[in-house]
Amino acid sequence: MALVVGVSLALATLAVELLEHSFGVANASSLYLVAVVLSALLVGTGGAIAVAAGSFLVYNFLFTEPRFTFTIHDPGVLLSVILLLFVGVVVGELAALQRGRADAASAREREARAMFAVSRSLATRDSTAAALARIADVIRTEARMERVWVAIGADPATERVAADTGEGQPPATPARLRVLQRTPDEEPARWIRVQRPGAVAPRGGGGGSAAADPALVASGRPAGGLDNYRIRIEASGEPLGSIWAQRARDLDEPDDTETRLMAAAADQAGQTLSRDRAEERTRAAEVAEQSDALKSALLQSVSHDLRTPLATIRAAAGGLRPGGPLSDEDRQASADAIEREVEYLNRLVTNLLDLSRIEAGALRARRDVFELDDALARAIESIRSRLGARTLEVNLAAPPVEVDPVFLDEAVANVLDNALKHTPESTHIRIVAHEAADGRVGMTVEDDGPGVRPDVLPRLFEKFYRAPDAARGSRGGTGIGLAVARGLIEATGGHVSARRSELGGLAIDLDLPMAMVPEELATGRSA
């Protein structure tokens, strides 16, 4: 400030000397008001008053008669000099007040921008960790901090660093630091200095706790010329972590604007962390509830589906004992029944294993080019032996597909098995394929059975879901066959959907990727 005051007085005095002695201006003392205003704008009220008083003395000493004394004989000149002092003080005060208002407005604008950046980071976050890193950077810039880090935990001893503006070095907390103390009423928060028996380094990715340097504890002064600050992160009285900051020791404590910013950032971070914890608990509860429901459904479905084949196998095996009363024809029928039920149990176990692989994302398709009639020969042949009085129509005249043959065979077998379970003996089942648009092949498995209600169609591929009011064939199902079929078809690059069949029953549409066959092979095949 002294430099500004001295330079302003010197320049104004030179200008007055030039105007009065070179240009003949009778009284150029008002030029000192320019120096007063400049000083007010640059250094505030104190500088303006100093320049005004200095102008009074300098003008009296250099430019009033008798010169080089502070005595004034002319009452008019005395009045002018006194008015110069008065006007200088008033103008300086007004200019300084305006400067203060401009500084306050600028500070409010910076605070509003900073708070907007904090709020936007939390509202549009992809992850809370990224938002906390952005908040730490905003605080470091706007609150004039050297380093800021956000640590999550119930207390400083267990906190782990979630975001840090430092260079990756573990931040050390000294034995003495300033903590923001907040009050429940309208009183502003204030910084209080606390003494801790030992310093702790909040843990980051692999960092651990470390005691403070004994010299640091003894002096109570942070190393490196830095003061340390902590703002607790809380929500509903629950401690969630802290915002830590390091500030150059030659700076004063954070002012009201900086303190409000840091406190508001801690409050918003606390609300976000609290919501994250609540959402995590809700998700965990939902997962546990769904897991229990799936376990119950699985046990109910599997236990029901195991009883019937096991009872059949036991009864058939009892009649095969040596010396039994059965004829050769009956023995063959019993052996066929055992083979049929074992095959059914094998499909059940296969579906359960496939379902677990689908849920775990462990399916890996091995796709190759196949004709549909070749890829589905096993599934169709297997279903023919179990049709009973039903009729089966097959038309697979379509371009080759690029699929995993095992996945496709199991998926179609499940779809056909579903048709057998839920249609009466007189049902007609049709399998047709055709070339679709956009390089796809469409295949439909449909029947003229009772079908399902329109509101049931979207749920047919859910795990353990059984359509209500559906006609039953030989036995009910576990509710996983169509879910497995969808997972297998999607794993091999296709898509499955359900609709009402043109025959009147249920239609399952399979959308499969068409194989890109070289033109010469396609021409040779058609020839």
Protein backbone atom coordinates (compact mmCIF):
# COMPACT_ATOMS: atom_id res chain seq x y z
CA MET A 1 0.00 0.00 0.00
CA ALA A 2 2.83 2.41 0.84
CA LEU A 3 4.23 2.04 -2.66
CA VAL A 4 0.86 2.84 -4.26
CA VAL A 5 0.39 5.87 -1.99
CA GLY A 6 3.90 7.21 -2.69
CA VAL A 7 3.71 6.74 -6.47
CA SER A 8 0.21 8.29 -6.64
CA LEU A 9 1.33 11.36 -4.68
CA ALA A 10 4.48 11.76 -6.72
CA LEU A 11 2.70 11.56 -10.07
CA ALA A 12 -0.08 13.90 -8.96
CA THR A 13 2.49 16.43 -7.61
CA LEU A 14 4.41 16.41 -10.90
CA ALA A 15 1.16 16.97 -12.81
CA VAL A 16 0.17 19.89 -10.52
CA GLU A 17 3.64 21.43 -10.90
CA LEU A 18 3.37 21.18 -14.66
CA LEU A 19 -0.12 22.73 -14.82
CA GLU A 20 0.50 25.63 -12.42
CA HIS A 21 3.99 26.73 -13.50
CA SER A 22 4.08 25.73 -17.15
CA PHE A 23 0.49 26.30 -18.22
CA GLY A 24 -0.47 29.00 -15.74
CA VAL A 25 -3.34 27.18 -14.05
CA ALA A 26 -4.13 29.11 -10.88
CA ASN A 27 -5.14 26.15 -8.70
CA ALA A 28 -4.64 22.58 -9.91
CA SER A 29 -5.05 20.96 -6.48
CA SER A 30 -8.16 19.08 -7.63
CA LEU A 31 -5.84 16.86 -9.68
CA TYR A 32 -4.93 15.13 -6.43
CA LEU A 33 -8.47 13.68 -6.44
CA VAL A 34 -7.40 11.44 -9.33
CA ALA A 35 -4.65 9.96 -7.15
CA VAL A 36 -7.15 9.52 -4.31
CA VAL A 37 -9.59 7.60 -6.54
CA LEU A 38 -6.84 5.41 -8.02
CA SER A 39 -5.53 4.56 -4.56
CA ALA A 40 -9.05 3.72 -3.36
CA LEU A 41 -9.56 1.36 -6.28
CA LEU A 42 -6.15 -0.27 -5.88
CA VAL A 43 -5.67 -0.60 -2.12
CA GLY A 44 -8.99 0.43 -0.55
CA THR A 45 -10.11 3.02 1.96
CA GLY A 46 -6.87 3.22 3.94
CA GLY A 47 -4.83 4.07 0.86
CA ALA A 48 -7.36 6.68 -0.26
CA ILE A 49 -7.30 8.46 3.12
CA ALA A 50 -3.50 8.36 3.18
CA VAL A 51 -3.32 9.93 -0.30
CA ALA A 52 -5.91 12.56 0.65
CA ALA A 53 -3.95 13.57 3.78
CA GLY A 54 -0.67 13.48 1.88
CA SER A 55 -2.13 15.66 -0.86
CA PHE A 56 -3.24 18.20 1.77
CA LEU A 57 0.23 18.38 3.23
CA VAL A 58 2.20 18.30 -0.05
CA TYR A 59 0.08 20.96 -1.74
CA ASN A 60 0.27 23.16 1.34
CA PHE A 61 4.06 22.73 1.57
CA LEU A 62 4.96 23.12 -2.13
CA PHE A 63 2.32 25.24 -3.79
CA THR A 64 0.82 27.68 -1.24
CA GLU A 65 2.42 30.94 0.01
CA PRO A 66 4.61 31.03 1.92
CA ARG A 67 6.09 27.99 0.15
CA PHE A 68 8.06 25.23 1.87
CA THR A 69 6.20 25.79 5.11
CA PHE A 70 2.91 24.51 6.44
CA THR A 71 1.75 28.07 7.18
CA ILE A 72 -1.09 29.56 5.11
CA HIS A 73 -1.75 33.34 5.28
CA ASP A 74 -4.54 33.55 2.71
CA PRO A 75 -7.87 32.32 4.23
CA GLY A 76 -9.15 31.45 0.73
CA VAL A 77 -6.21 29.18 0.05
CA LEU A 78 -6.63 27.60 3.49
CA LEU A 79 -10.27 26.89 2.71
CA SER A 80 -9.31 25.35 -0.64
CA VAL A 81 -6.73 23.06 0.92
CA ILE A 82 -9.14 21.97 3.67
CA LEU A 83 -11.82 21.31 1.04
CA LEU A 84 -9.23 19.28 -0.88
CA LEU A 85 -8.68 17.12 2.16
CA PHE A 86 -12.42 16.70 2.82
CA VAL A 87 -13.33 15.95 -0.78
CA GLY A 88 -10.36 13.63 -1.09
CA VAL A 89 -11.46 11.61 1.96
CA VAL A 90 -15.09 11.43 0.79
CA VAL A 91 -14.20 10.52 -2.80
CA GLY A 92 -11.70 7.95 -1.60
CA GLU A 93 -14.26 6.41 0.75
CA LEU A 94 -16.89 6.21 -2.01
CA ALA A 95 -14.41 4.74 -4.48
CA ALA A 96 -13.25 2.20 -1.91
CA LEU A 97 -16.86 1.32 -1.07
CA GLN A 98 -17.59 0.76 -4.74
CA ARG A 99 -14.49 -1.38 -5.04
CA GLY A 100 -15.60 -3.40 -2.01
CA ARG A 101 -19.02 -3.94 -3.54
CA ALA A 102 -17.45 -5.04 -6.82
CA ASP A 103 -15.15 -7.43 -4.96
CA ALA A 104 -18.09 -8.82 -2.98
CA ALA A 105 -20.13 -9.30 -6.17
CA SER A 106 -17.19 -10.99 -7.82
CA ALA A 107 -16.74 -13.25 -4.79
CA ARG A 108 -20.44 -14.17 -4.83
CA GLU A 109 -20.22 -14.91 -8.52
CA ARG A 110 -17.20 -17.17 -8.00
CA GLU A 111 -18.95 -18.87 -5.10
CA ALA A 112 -22.08 -19.44 -7.20
CA ARG A 113 -20.03 -20.85 -10.09
CA ALA A 114 -18.13 -23.11 -7.74
CA MET A 115 -21.31 -24.36 -6.07
CA PHE A 116 -22.87 -24.95 -9.48
CA ALA A 117 -19.83 -26.99 -10.48
CA VAL A 118 -20.12 -29.05 -7.28
CA SER A 119 -23.86 -29.61 -7.71
CA ARG A 120 -23.53 -30.44 -11.40
CA SER A 121 -20.71 -32.91 -10.72
CA LEU A 122 -22.92 -34.79 -8.28
CA ALA A 123 -26.12 -34.55 -10.35
CA THR A 124 -24.54 -35.78 -13.60
CA ARG A 125 -22.01 -38.20 -12.11
CA ASP A 126 -21.22 -41.48 -13.80
CA SER A 127 -19.64 -42.53 -10.53
CA THR A 128 -19.38 -40.95 -7.11
CA ALA A 129 -15.58 -41.28 -7.15
CA ALA A 130 -15.35 -39.16 -10.31
CA ALA A 131 -17.69 -36.55 -8.81
CA LEU A 132 -15.61 -36.38 -5.62
CA ALA A 133 -12.46 -35.86 -7.69
CA ARG A 134 -14.14 -32.93 -9.46
CA ILE A 135 -15.26 -31.46 -6.11
CA ALA A 136 -11.73 -31.73 -4.71
CA ASP A 137 -10.38 -29.89 -7.75
CA VAL A 138 -13.01 -27.12 -7.42
CA ILE A 139 -12.18 -26.61 -3.73
CA ARG A 140 -8.44 -26.54 -4.44
CA THR A 141 -8.91 -23.83 -7.07
CA GLU A 142 -11.63 -21.67 -5.53
CA ALA A 143 -10.52 -21.91 -1.87
CA ARG A 144 -6.82 -21.31 -2.69
CA MET A 145 -5.66 -24.65 -1.34
CA GLU A 146 -2.42 -26.39 -2.23
CA ARG A 147 -3.93 -29.86 -2.02
CA VAL A 148 -7.39 -31.32 -1.36
CA TRP A 149 -8.39 -34.93 -0.82
CA VAL A 150 -11.67 -36.62 0.07
CA ALA A 151 -11.53 -39.63 2.37
CA ILE A 152 -14.41 -41.99 3.11
CA GLY A 153 -14.80 -43.68 6.48
CA ALA A 154 -16.36 -43.44 9.91
CA ASP A 155 -13.29 -41.76 11.48
CA PRO A 156 -9.85 -40.50 10.41
CA ALA A 157 -8.16 -43.74 11.52
CA THR A 158 -10.24 -45.85 9.09
CA GLU A 159 -10.76 -43.38 6.27
CA ARG A 160 -9.68 -44.29 2.75
CA VAL A 161 -8.85 -41.68 0.13
CA ALA A 162 -11.46 -41.61 -2.63
CA ALA A 163 -10.20 -38.52 -4.49
CA ASP A 164 -6.96 -36.55 -4.28
CA THR A 165 -5.57 -33.56 -6.18
CA GLY A 166 -2.03 -34.49 -5.11
CA GLU A 167 0.58 -36.36 -7.11
CA GLY A 168 -0.23 -39.78 -5.70
CA GLN A 169 1.80 -39.45 -2.49
CA PRO A 170 -0.08 -40.48 0.69
CA PRO A 171 -1.34 -37.29 2.39
CA ALA A 172 0.00 -36.99 5.96
CA THR A 173 -2.15 -35.33 8.59
CA PRO A 174 -0.18 -33.43 11.27
CA ALA A 175 -0.87 -33.57 14.97
CA ARG A 176 -2.39 -30.06 14.90
CA LEU A 177 -4.92 -28.97 12.34
CA ARG A 178 -7.98 -26.79 11.94
CA VAL A 179 -11.42 -28.40 11.94
CA LEU A 180 -14.58 -26.65 10.81
CA GLN A 181 -16.99 -26.43 13.72
CA ARG A 182 -20.60 -25.95 12.74
CA THR A 183 -23.48 -24.87 14.94
CA PRO A 184 -27.12 -25.94 14.66
CA ASP A 185 -28.39 -22.36 14.70
CA GLU A 186 -27.75 -19.50 12.28
CA GLU A 187 -24.29 -18.70 13.59
CA PRO A 188 -21.60 -19.09 10.94
CA ALA A 189 -19.23 -22.02 11.12
CA ARG A 190 -15.76 -21.31 12.42
CA TRP A 191 -12.36 -22.94 12.28
CA ILE A 192 -10.98 -24.29 15.54
CA ARG A 193 -7.47 -25.59 16.11
CA VAL A 194 -7.18 -29.08 17.55
CA GLN A 195 -4.29 -31.14 18.90
CA ARG A 196 -4.14 -34.84 18.09
CA PRO A 197 -1.88 -37.34 19.85
CA GLY A 198 -0.66 -38.82 16.57
CA ALA A 199 -0.96 -38.19 12.88
CA VAL A 200 -2.62 -40.61 10.52
CA ALA A 201 -2.28 -40.95 6.79
CA PRO A 202 -5.73 -41.74 5.36
CA ARG A 203 -5.45 -44.94 3.40
CA GLY A 204 -5.67 -45.00 -0.33
CA GLY A 205 -5.17 -47.82 -2.75
CA GLY A 206 -2.83 -49.95 -0.66
CA GLY A 207 -1.60 -47.19 1.66
CA GLY A 208 -1.77 -47.73 5.41
CA SER A 209 -1.62 -45.74 8.58
CA ALA A 210 1.60 -43.95 9.52
CA ALA A 211 2.54 -42.03 12.66
CA ALA A 212 3.54 -38.40 12.42
CA ASP A 213 7.10 -37.13 12.52
CA PRO A 214 7.92 -36.51 16.25
CA ALA A 215 9.38 -33.10 15.40
CA LEU A 216 6.17 -32.23 13.64
CA VAL A 217 4.11 -33.24 16.66
CA ALA A 218 6.34 -31.24 19.00
CA SER A 219 6.16 -28.08 16.95
CA GLY A 220 2.54 -28.44 15.98
CA ARG A 221 3.39 -26.91 12.61
CA PRO A 222 2.85 -28.70 9.32
CA ALA A 223 5.89 -29.52 7.24
CA GLY A 224 6.43 -27.68 4.00
CA GLY A 225 4.89 -24.42 5.17
CA LEU A 226 1.32 -25.72 4.96
CA ASP A 227 -1.64 -25.48 7.31
CA ASN A 228 -4.10 -28.39 7.32
CA TYR A 229 -7.89 -28.22 7.39
CA ARG A 230 -10.62 -30.80 7.82
CA ILE A 231 -14.36 -30.64 7.14
CA ARG A 232 -16.41 -33.59 8.31
CA ILE A 233 -18.77 -35.26 5.82
CA GLU A 234 -21.98 -36.27 7.58
CA ALA A 235 -25.56 -37.13 6.74
CA SER A 236 -28.33 -37.41 9.35
CA GLY A 237 -25.69 -37.41 12.06
CA GLU A 238 -23.82 -40.38 10.55
CA PRO A 239 -20.10 -39.78 9.89
CA LEU A 240 -19.23 -40.70 6.32
CA GLY A 241 -15.78 -39.20 5.80
CA SER A 242 -13.87 -35.93 5.57
CA ILE A 243 -12.67 -33.30 3.13
CA TRP A 244 -9.02 -32.56 3.92
CA ALA A 245 -7.11 -29.57 2.57
CA GLN A 246 -3.64 -28.07 2.80
CA ARG A 247 -3.14 -24.30 2.55
CA ALA A 248 -0.01 -22.17 2.38
CA ARG A 249 0.85 -20.95 5.85
CA ASP A 250 1.45 -17.39 4.68
CA LEU A 251 -2.26 -17.10 3.82
CA ASP A 252 -4.92 -16.32 6.39
CA GLU A 253 -7.63 -18.82 7.31
CA PRO A 254 -10.24 -19.38 4.59
CA ASP A 255 -12.57 -16.41 4.42
CA ASP A 256 -16.35 -16.63 4.74
CA THR A 257 -16.85 -17.35 1.03
CA GLU A 258 -14.25 -20.11 0.96
CA THR A 259 -15.56 -21.60 4.19
CA ARG A 260 -19.15 -21.64 2.89
CA LEU A 261 -17.98 -23.35 -0.29
CA MET A 262 -16.10 -26.07 1.58
CA ALA A 263 -18.95 -26.63 4.04
CA ALA A 264 -21.58 -26.79 1.28
CA ALA A 265 -19.44 -29.19 -0.74
CA ALA A 266 -19.11 -31.45 2.32
CA ASP A 267 -22.88 -31.34 2.87
CA GLN A 268 -23.68 -32.25 -0.73
CA ALA A 269 -21.06 -34.98 -0.77
CA GLY A 270 -22.59 -36.36 2.44
CA GLN A 271 -26.08 -36.47 0.92
CA THR A 272 -24.71 -38.21 -2.18
CA LEU A 273 -22.78 -40.79 -0.17
CA SER A 274 -25.83 -41.39 2.01
CA ARG A 275 -28.01 -41.96 -1.08
CA ASP A 276 -25.38 -44.30 -2.51
CA ARG A 277 -25.38 -46.33 0.69
CA ALA A 278 -29.17 -46.45 0.75
CA GLU A 279 -29.29 -47.57 -2.89
CA GLU A 280 -26.62 -50.18 -2.20
CA ARG A 281 -28.60 -51.54 0.74
CA THR A 282 -31.77 -51.55 -1.37
CA ARG A 283 -30.03 -53.40 -4.20
CA ALA A 284 -28.59 -55.91 -1.76
CA ALA A 285 -32.03 -56.48 -0.27
CA GLU A 286 -33.56 -56.90 -3.73
CA VAL A 287 -30.84 -59.33 -4.78
CA ALA A 288 -31.32 -61.32 -1.59
CA GLU A 289 -35.09 -61.35 -2.08
CA GLN A 290 -34.76 -62.41 -5.72
CA SER A 291 -32.21 -65.04 -4.77
CA ASP A 292 -34.55 -66.47 -2.14
CA ALA A 293 -37.44 -66.42 -4.60
CA LEU A 294 -35.34 -68.15 -7.27
CA LYS A 295 -34.15 -70.76 -4.80
CA SER A 296 -37.72 -71.45 -3.68
CA ALA A 297 -38.97 -71.63 -7.27
CA LEU A 298 -36.09 -73.86 -8.28
CA LEU A 299 -36.61 -76.25 -5.37
CA GLN A 300 -40.34 -76.36 -5.99
CA SER A 301 -39.98 -76.90 -9.73
CA VAL A 302 -37.15 -79.42 -9.57
CA SER A 303 -38.68 -81.41 -6.72
CA HIS A 304 -41.98 -81.61 -8.63
CA ASP A 305 -40.28 -82.61 -11.86
CA LEU A 306 -38.07 -85.17 -10.17
CA ARG A 307 -40.86 -87.05 -8.41
CA THR A 308 -42.73 -88.16 -11.54
CA PRO A 309 -39.80 -89.60 -13.53
CA LEU A 310 -38.26 -91.18 -10.43
CA ALA A 311 -41.55 -92.83 -9.53
CA THR A 312 -41.90 -94.11 -13.10
CA ILE A 313 -38.32 -95.43 -13.15
CA ARG A 314 -38.81 -97.15 -9.79
CA ALA A 315 -42.04 -98.84 -10.84
CA ALA A 316 -40.62 -99.92 -14.20
CA ALA A 317 -37.40 -101.19 -12.64
CA GLY A 318 -39.36 -103.26 -10.11
CA GLY A 319 -41.03 -105.20 -12.89
CA LEU A 320 -37.67 -106.05 -14.50
CA ARG A 321 -36.47 -108.20 -11.62
CA PRO A 322 -35.67 -111.78 -12.57
CA GLY A 323 -38.61 -114.13 -12.20
CA GLY A 324 -41.14 -111.36 -12.41
CA PRO A 325 -44.61 -111.89 -13.90
CA LEU A 326 -44.08 -109.52 -16.86
CA SER A 327 -44.06 -110.72 -20.43
CA ASP A 328 -41.27 -109.87 -22.83
CA GLU A 329 -43.47 -107.16 -24.35
CA ASP A 330 -44.14 -105.61 -20.94
CA ARG A 331 -40.46 -105.80 -20.07
CA GLN A 332 -39.65 -103.91 -23.27
CA ALA A 333 -42.27 -101.30 -22.41
CA SER A 334 -40.75 -100.88 -18.93
CA ALA A 335 -37.27 -100.52 -20.40
CA ASP A 336 -38.58 -97.93 -22.86
CA ALA A 337 -40.24 -96.03 -19.99
CA ILE A 338 -37.00 -96.01 -18.00
CA GLU A 339 -35.07 -94.78 -21.04
CA ARG A 340 -37.67 -92.06 -21.69
CA GLU A 341 -37.65 -90.82 -18.10
CA VAL A 342 -33.84 -90.87 -17.92
CA GLU A 343 -33.77 -88.79 -21.09
CA TYR A 344 -36.21 -86.39 -19.49
CA LEU A 345 -34.03 -86.11 -16.37
CA ASN A 346 -31.00 -85.55 -18.58
CA ARG A 347 -32.76 -82.64 -20.32
CA LEU A 348 -33.76 -81.21 -16.93
CA VAL A 349 -30.19 -81.31 -15.63
CA THR A 350 -28.87 -79.90 -18.92
CA ASN A 351 -31.33 -77.00 -18.74
CA LEU A 352 -30.37 -76.24 -15.14
CA LEU A 353 -26.68 -76.22 -16.05
CA ASP A 354 -27.34 -74.06 -19.12
CA LEU A 355 -29.40 -71.65 -17.03
CA SER A 356 -26.56 -71.23 -14.54
CA ARG A 357 -24.11 -70.61 -17.39
CA ILE A 358 -26.46 -68.07 -18.94
CA GLU A 359 -26.88 -66.26 -15.61
CA ALA A 360 -23.09 -66.19 -15.14
CA GLY A 361 -22.46 -64.98 -18.72
CA ALA A 362 -20.26 -68.01 -19.33
CA LEU A 363 -21.79 -69.13 -22.64
CA ARG A 364 -19.29 -69.05 -25.50
CA ALA A 365 -20.74 -69.86 -28.90
CA ARG A 366 -18.72 -71.68 -31.57
CA ARG A 367 -20.44 -70.56 -34.72
CA ASP A 368 -20.17 -72.20 -38.10
CA VAL A 369 -22.22 -72.53 -41.28
CA PHE A 370 -25.01 -75.15 -41.24
CA GLU A 371 -28.14 -76.08 -43.14
CA LEU A 372 -31.11 -75.95 -40.78
CA ASP A 373 -32.26 -79.51 -41.53
CA ASP A 374 -28.78 -80.82 -40.65
CA ALA A 375 -28.43 -78.72 -37.48
CA LEU A 376 -31.91 -79.69 -36.20
CA ALA A 377 -32.00 -83.34 -37.26
CA ARG A 378 -31.35 -84.63 -33.72
CA ALA A 379 -33.92 -82.38 -32.05
CA ILE A 380 -36.63 -83.24 -34.60
CA GLU A 381 -35.92 -86.96 -34.47
CA SER A 382 -36.08 -86.88 -30.66
CA ILE A 383 -39.44 -85.10 -30.67
CA ARG A 384 -40.99 -87.49 -33.21
CA SER A 385 -40.69 -90.37 -30.77
CA ARG A 386 -42.73 -88.44 -28.17
CA LEU A 387 -45.46 -86.95 -30.36
CA GLY A 388 -48.11 -89.49 -29.48
CA ALA A 389 -51.24 -88.61 -31.46
CA ARG A 390 -49.88 -85.18 -32.42
CA THR A 391 -48.78 -84.44 -35.96
CA LEU A 392 -45.55 -82.69 -36.96
CA GLU A 393 -44.97 -80.67 -40.12
CA VAL A 394 -41.40 -79.63 -40.99
CA ASN A 395 -40.34 -77.24 -43.77
CA LEU A 396 -36.78 -75.96 -43.35
CA ALA A 397 -36.15 -74.76 -46.92
CA ALA A 398 -34.12 -71.67 -46.06
CA PRO A 399 -30.58 -70.38 -46.64
CA PRO A 400 -27.79 -71.72 -44.41
CA VAL A 401 -27.31 -70.12 -41.02
CA GLU A 402 -24.18 -69.26 -39.05
CA VAL A 403 -24.84 -70.61 -35.57
CA ASP A 404 -23.53 -72.80 -32.80
CA PRO A 405 -25.17 -76.15 -33.69
CA VAL A 406 -25.24 -77.40 -30.10
CA PHE A 407 -26.92 -74.23 -28.83
CA LEU A 408 -29.44 -74.21 -31.67
CA ASP A 409 -30.26 -77.91 -31.22
CA GLU A 410 -30.85 -77.52 -27.45
CA ALA A 411 -32.89 -74.34 -27.91
CA VAL A 412 -35.23 -75.85 -30.52
CA ALA A 413 -35.52 -79.05 -28.45
CA ASN A 414 -36.70 -76.93 -25.50
CA VAL A 415 -39.20 -75.06 -27.67
CA LEU A 416 -40.60 -78.34 -29.05
CA ASP A 417 -40.66 -79.86 -25.57
CA ASN A 418 -42.66 -76.85 -24.38
CA ALA A 419 -45.17 -77.46 -27.18
CA LEU A 420 -45.57 -81.10 -26.15
CA LYS A 421 -46.11 -80.23 -22.48
CA HIS A 422 -48.79 -77.64 -23.05
CA THR A 423 -50.88 -79.00 -25.93
CA PRO A 424 -53.43 -81.81 -26.11
CA GLU A 425 -52.84 -85.08 -28.00
CA SER A 426 -54.67 -83.91 -31.13
CA THR A 427 -52.40 -80.88 -31.70
CA HIS A 428 -50.72 -80.12 -35.01
CA ILE A 429 -47.17 -78.75 -34.65
CA ARG A 430 -45.43 -76.97 -37.50
CA ILE A 431 -41.78 -75.97 -37.97
CA VAL A 432 -41.14 -73.62 -40.89
CA ALA A 433 -38.16 -71.49 -41.95
CA HIS A 434 -37.77 -68.71 -44.48
CA GLU A 435 -35.33 -66.04 -45.60
CA ALA A 436 -35.98 -62.76 -43.80
CA ALA A 437 -34.75 -59.24 -44.45
CA ASP A 438 -31.35 -57.79 -43.54
CA GLY A 439 -29.42 -61.03 -43.93
CA ARG A 440 -31.44 -63.02 -41.40
CA VAL A 441 -33.26 -66.35 -41.42
CA GLY A 442 -36.56 -66.67 -39.64
CA MET A 443 -37.81 -69.93 -38.15
CA THR A 444 -41.15 -70.49 -36.39
CA VAL A 445 -42.31 -73.31 -34.14
CA GLU A 446 -46.11 -73.06 -33.82
CA ASP A 447 -49.15 -75.15 -32.97
CA ASP A 448 -52.93 -75.07 -33.12
CA GLY A 449 -53.32 -75.68 -29.39
CA PRO A 450 -55.06 -73.42 -26.87
CA GLY A 451 -52.18 -70.92 -26.77
CA VAL A 452 -51.79 -68.33 -23.99
CA ARG A 453 -53.37 -65.02 -23.13
CA PRO A 454 -51.85 -61.90 -24.81
CA ASP A 455 -50.75 -60.48 -21.44
CA VAL A 456 -48.77 -63.66 -20.76
CA LEU A 457 -46.70 -63.55 -23.97
CA PRO A 458 -44.03 -61.07 -22.69
CA ARG A 459 -43.38 -63.28 -19.63
CA LEU A 460 -42.96 -66.64 -21.34
CA PHE A 461 -39.16 -66.35 -21.34
CA GLU A 462 -38.83 -65.48 -17.64
CA LYS A 463 -37.13 -68.00 -15.37
CA PHE A 464 -39.52 -70.33 -13.52
CA TYR A 465 -42.58 -68.66 -15.01
CA ARG A 466 -45.50 -70.97 -15.83
CA ALA A 467 -48.34 -69.67 -17.93
CA PRO A 468 -51.69 -69.88 -16.12
CA ASP A 469 -54.68 -71.69 -17.60
CA ALA A 470 -52.54 -73.51 -20.13
CA ALA A 471 -53.57 -76.96 -21.25
CA ARG A 472 -51.22 -79.65 -19.99
CA GLY A 473 -49.81 -82.59 -21.83
CA SER A 474 -48.11 -85.45 -20.07
CA ARG A 475 -46.65 -83.28 -17.28
CA GLY A 476 -46.02 -79.67 -16.31
CA GLY A 477 -42.67 -77.98 -16.64
CA THR A 478 -40.10 -76.25 -14.47
CA GLY A 479 -40.54 -72.93 -16.25
CA ILE A 480 -36.93 -72.76 -17.41
CA GLY A 481 -37.10 -74.36 -20.87
CA LEU A 482 -38.00 -71.21 -22.81
CA ALA A 483 -35.67 -69.08 -20.67
CA VAL A 484 -32.79 -71.42 -21.59
CA ALA A 485 -33.88 -71.40 -25.24
CA ARG A 486 -33.74 -67.60 -25.34
CA GLY A 487 -30.30 -67.51 -23.69
CA LEU A 488 -28.89 -70.08 -26.10
CA ILE A 489 -30.30 -68.39 -29.21
CA GLU A 490 -29.06 -64.95 -28.11
CA ALA A 491 -25.62 -66.43 -27.37
CA THR A 492 -25.42 -67.71 -30.93
CA GLY A 493 -26.40 -64.34 -32.43
CA GLY A 494 -30.16 -64.73 -32.72
CA HIS A 495 -33.34 -63.47 -31.11
CA VAL A 496 -36.50 -65.19 -29.79
CA SER A 497 -40.03 -63.83 -29.43
CA ALA A 498 -43.52 -65.20 -28.83
CA ARG A 499 -46.86 -64.37 -30.44
CA ARG A 500 -50.22 -65.91 -31.22
CA SER A 501 -49.94 -68.43 -34.02
CA GLU A 502 -51.85 -68.21 -37.26
CA LEU A 503 -52.89 -71.79 -36.49
CA GLY A 504 -54.61 -70.52 -33.34
CA GLY A 505 -52.11 -71.57 -30.68
CA LEU A 506 -48.65 -70.33 -29.67
CA ALA A 507 -45.88 -69.36 -32.09
CA ILE A 508 -42.23 -69.03 -31.08
CA ASP A 509 -40.21 -67.06 -33.64
CA LEU A 510 -36.44 -67.58 -33.88
CA ASP A 511 -34.44 -64.95 -35.74
CA LEU A 512 -31.06 -66.39 -36.84
CA PRO A 513 -28.03 -64.91 -38.63
CA MET A 514 -27.80 -65.99 -42.28
CA ALA A 515 -24.48 -67.44 -43.41
CA MET A 516 -22.57 -65.48 -46.04
CA VAL A 517 -22.14 -68.27 -48.62
CA PRO A 518 -19.78 -67.55 -51.59
CA GLU A 519 -21.68 -66.88 -54.78
CA GLU A 520 -20.21 -69.87 -56.67
CA LEU A 521 -21.30 -72.26 -53.90
CA ALA A 522 -24.77 -70.77 -53.81
CA THR A 523 -25.06 -71.12 -57.62
CA GLY A 524 -23.83 -74.72 -57.52
CA ARG A 525 -26.30 -75.61 -54.77
CA SER A 526 -29.23 -74.12 -56.63
CA ALA A 527 -28.20 -75.93 -59.78
